[in-house]
Amino acid sequence: MNDQANRTRFTPRAIWASIGAIGAMGFARLAQAAGPTQEDVFRSISQNVGSQGENRSAAPFFYLMLGIIGLILVIHFRRKRTTEPGTLNHPGKLMKELSRALGLSKAEVRQLRLLAKQASIDSPIVLLLCPSVLALAMRETTSEKLDKRVLADLGRRLASR
């Protein structure tokens, strides 16, 4: 009985491992026997180098994919870009429009700008819109650069409208 206890028992795991090892050795011998010769390798290389191959048919697909990706990027960045409208209430443009509508000369516009600066008024447009502010500014400011006659004539024309 003691001899039987010392014997190694074959477990299913050991059996499968030995079958796998024997099978691997058999496949290795088959692979050695069926290996390509040197002539077969050179013939295969020369055929593959000389042929056009499948790369030619993949090139249009590759360029099409690049084009689609580029188009998606352009659309993405155009949507991301913010469009800011131009300045709607530009004081210079508004002054130019008002001077055209009222028929003011360049000298009169220049005098209005000087008067607004002397009277600490933000814009000469205020002087055009409110003749009473124009009259008050003319009375309070005294400057050699201001032509009181031009401004008085302008005040009369604005008051008559």
Protein backbone atom coordinates (compact mmCIF):
# COMPACT_ATOMS: atom_id res chain seq x y z
CA MET A 1 0.00 0.00 0.00
CA ASN A 2 2.89 2.24 0.69
CA ASP A 3 4.04 1.97 -2.92
CA GLN A 4 0.70 3.15 -4.17
CA ALA A 5 0.79 6.20 -1.96
CA ASN A 6 4.19 7.22 -3.32
CA ARG A 7 3.06 6.94 -6.91
CA THR A 8 2.28 10.15 -8.65
CA ARG A 9 -1.34 10.64 -9.43
CA PHE A 10 -2.19 12.02 -12.82
CA THR A 11 -4.60 14.89 -12.51
CA PRO A 12 -6.60 16.16 -15.47
CA ARG A 13 -4.51 19.32 -15.50
CA ALA A 14 -1.29 17.31 -15.83
CA ILE A 15 -2.79 15.18 -18.60
CA TRP A 16 -3.85 18.23 -20.66
CA ALA A 17 -0.46 19.89 -20.16
CA SER A 18 1.36 16.81 -21.48
CA ILE A 19 -1.00 16.55 -24.48
CA GLY A 20 -0.37 20.23 -25.26
CA ALA A 21 3.42 19.77 -25.05
CA ILE A 22 3.36 16.77 -27.38
CA GLY A 23 1.11 18.65 -29.82
CA ALA A 24 3.40 21.67 -29.81
CA MET A 25 6.41 19.53 -30.64
CA GLY A 26 4.49 17.95 -33.52
CA PHE A 27 3.48 21.34 -34.95
CA ALA A 28 7.07 22.56 -34.68
CA ARG A 29 8.30 19.60 -36.76
CA LEU A 30 5.57 20.20 -39.36
CA ALA A 31 6.47 23.88 -39.56
CA GLN A 32 10.14 23.02 -40.09
CA ALA A 33 9.36 20.53 -42.84
CA ALA A 34 6.85 22.79 -44.62
CA GLY A 35 8.93 26.00 -44.39
CA PRO A 36 9.40 28.07 -47.56
CA THR A 37 12.65 27.77 -49.40
CA GLN A 38 14.88 30.71 -50.14
CA GLU A 39 13.77 30.74 -53.78
CA ASP A 40 10.11 30.93 -52.72
CA VAL A 41 10.89 33.91 -50.50
CA PHE A 42 12.75 35.80 -53.27
CA ARG A 43 10.01 35.04 -55.81
CA SER A 44 7.35 36.35 -53.43
CA ILE A 45 9.34 39.54 -52.74
CA SER A 46 9.87 40.26 -56.45
CA GLN A 47 6.17 39.74 -57.19
CA ASN A 48 5.10 42.06 -54.38
CA VAL A 49 7.59 44.77 -55.31
CA GLY A 50 6.71 44.68 -59.00
CA SER A 51 2.91 44.75 -58.55
CA GLN A 52 0.81 47.87 -58.00
CA GLY A 53 -0.70 46.47 -54.83
CA GLU A 54 -3.85 47.49 -53.01
CA ASN A 55 -2.43 50.82 -51.78
CA ARG A 56 -3.57 52.48 -54.96
CA SER A 57 -7.21 51.80 -54.29
CA ALA A 58 -6.88 53.03 -50.69
CA ALA A 59 -5.38 56.41 -51.66
CA PRO A 60 -8.66 58.06 -52.84
CA PHE A 61 -10.40 56.84 -49.71
CA PHE A 62 -7.59 58.29 -47.59
CA TYR A 63 -7.80 61.68 -49.35
CA LEU A 64 -11.58 61.68 -49.02
CA MET A 65 -11.29 61.10 -45.29
CA LEU A 66 -8.73 63.93 -44.99
CA GLY A 67 -11.09 66.25 -46.87
CA ILE A 68 -14.04 65.38 -44.64
CA ILE A 69 -11.96 65.93 -41.50
CA GLY A 70 -10.75 69.27 -42.88
CA LEU A 71 -14.32 70.34 -43.67
CA ILE A 72 -15.47 69.43 -40.19
CA LEU A 73 -12.63 71.48 -38.69
CA VAL A 74 -13.47 74.51 -40.83
CA ILE A 75 -17.14 74.34 -39.84
CA HIS A 76 -16.20 73.94 -36.18
CA PHE A 77 -13.93 76.99 -36.15
CA ARG A 78 -16.44 79.12 -38.09
CA ARG A 79 -19.13 78.35 -35.53
CA LYS A 80 -16.72 79.02 -32.69
CA ARG A 81 -15.73 82.44 -34.06
CA THR A 82 -17.83 85.28 -32.70
CA THR A 83 -19.04 87.94 -35.03
CA GLU A 84 -19.17 91.35 -33.49
CA PRO A 85 -21.32 93.95 -35.17
CA GLY A 86 -19.79 97.28 -36.03
CA THR A 87 -20.31 100.21 -33.72
CA LEU A 88 -23.86 101.36 -34.21
CA ASN A 89 -23.68 104.60 -32.25
CA HIS A 90 -20.40 106.00 -33.48
CA PRO A 91 -20.31 109.67 -32.45
CA GLY A 92 -18.21 110.74 -35.44
CA LYS A 93 -20.60 109.17 -37.94
CA LEU A 94 -23.61 110.61 -36.16
CA MET A 95 -22.06 114.08 -36.14
CA LYS A 96 -21.35 113.79 -39.86
CA GLU A 97 -24.95 112.75 -40.57
CA LEU A 98 -26.33 115.60 -38.46
CA SER A 99 -24.07 118.17 -40.08
CA ARG A 100 -25.20 117.00 -43.54
CA ALA A 101 -28.87 117.05 -42.54
CA LEU A 102 -28.57 120.55 -41.03
CA GLY A 103 -26.36 121.86 -43.81
CA LEU A 104 -23.44 122.80 -41.53
CA SER A 105 -20.10 123.83 -42.94
CA LYS A 106 -16.80 122.38 -41.77
CA ALA A 107 -15.98 125.62 -39.97
CA GLU A 108 -19.25 125.47 -38.02
CA VAL A 109 -18.62 121.84 -37.01
CA ARG A 110 -15.09 122.79 -35.91
CA GLN A 111 -16.46 125.66 -33.81
CA LEU A 112 -19.03 123.35 -32.21
CA ARG A 113 -16.30 120.89 -31.27
CA LEU A 114 -14.17 123.66 -29.73
CA LEU A 115 -17.15 125.02 -27.79
CA ALA A 116 -18.06 121.53 -26.49
CA LYS A 117 -14.49 121.01 -25.35
CA GLN A 118 -14.32 124.40 -23.62
CA ALA A 119 -17.69 123.87 -21.89
CA SER A 120 -16.73 120.32 -20.78
CA ILE A 121 -19.53 118.74 -22.78
CA ASP A 122 -18.96 115.17 -23.97
CA SER A 123 -20.07 115.66 -27.55
CA PRO A 124 -20.95 118.54 -29.86
CA ILE A 125 -24.11 116.61 -30.73
CA VAL A 126 -25.57 117.80 -27.42
CA LEU A 127 -25.12 121.39 -28.60
CA LEU A 128 -26.95 120.61 -31.85
CA LEU A 129 -29.83 118.83 -30.16
CA CYS A 130 -30.45 121.42 -27.49
CA PRO A 131 -30.11 125.07 -28.58
CA SER A 132 -30.52 126.27 -24.98
CA VAL A 133 -27.36 124.38 -23.97
CA LEU A 134 -25.62 125.95 -26.98
CA ALA A 135 -26.67 129.45 -25.85
CA LEU A 136 -25.60 128.77 -22.25
CA ALA A 137 -22.21 127.40 -23.37
CA MET A 138 -21.64 130.44 -25.62
CA ARG A 139 -22.35 132.83 -22.72
CA GLU A 140 -20.14 131.04 -20.20
CA THR A 141 -17.04 130.36 -22.32
CA THR A 142 -14.61 132.93 -23.51
CA SER A 143 -11.89 131.83 -25.83
CA GLU A 144 -9.90 133.46 -28.59
CA LYS A 145 -10.28 130.40 -30.79
CA LEU A 146 -14.07 130.55 -30.77
CA ASP A 147 -15.79 132.61 -33.45
CA LYS A 148 -18.85 133.98 -31.62
CA ARG A 149 -20.38 135.28 -34.83
CA VAL A 150 -20.39 131.83 -36.50
CA LEU A 151 -21.83 130.23 -33.37
CA ALA A 152 -24.52 132.92 -32.98
CA ASP A 153 -25.58 132.45 -36.61
CA LEU A 154 -25.69 128.67 -36.06
CA GLY A 155 -27.79 129.13 -32.90
CA ARG A 156 -30.32 131.28 -34.79
CA ARG A 157 -30.62 128.68 -37.58
CA LEU A 158 -31.12 125.84 -35.10
CA ALA A 159 -33.71 127.80 -33.11
CA SER A 160 -35.70 128.61 -36.24
CA ARG A 161 -36.04 124.92 -37.19
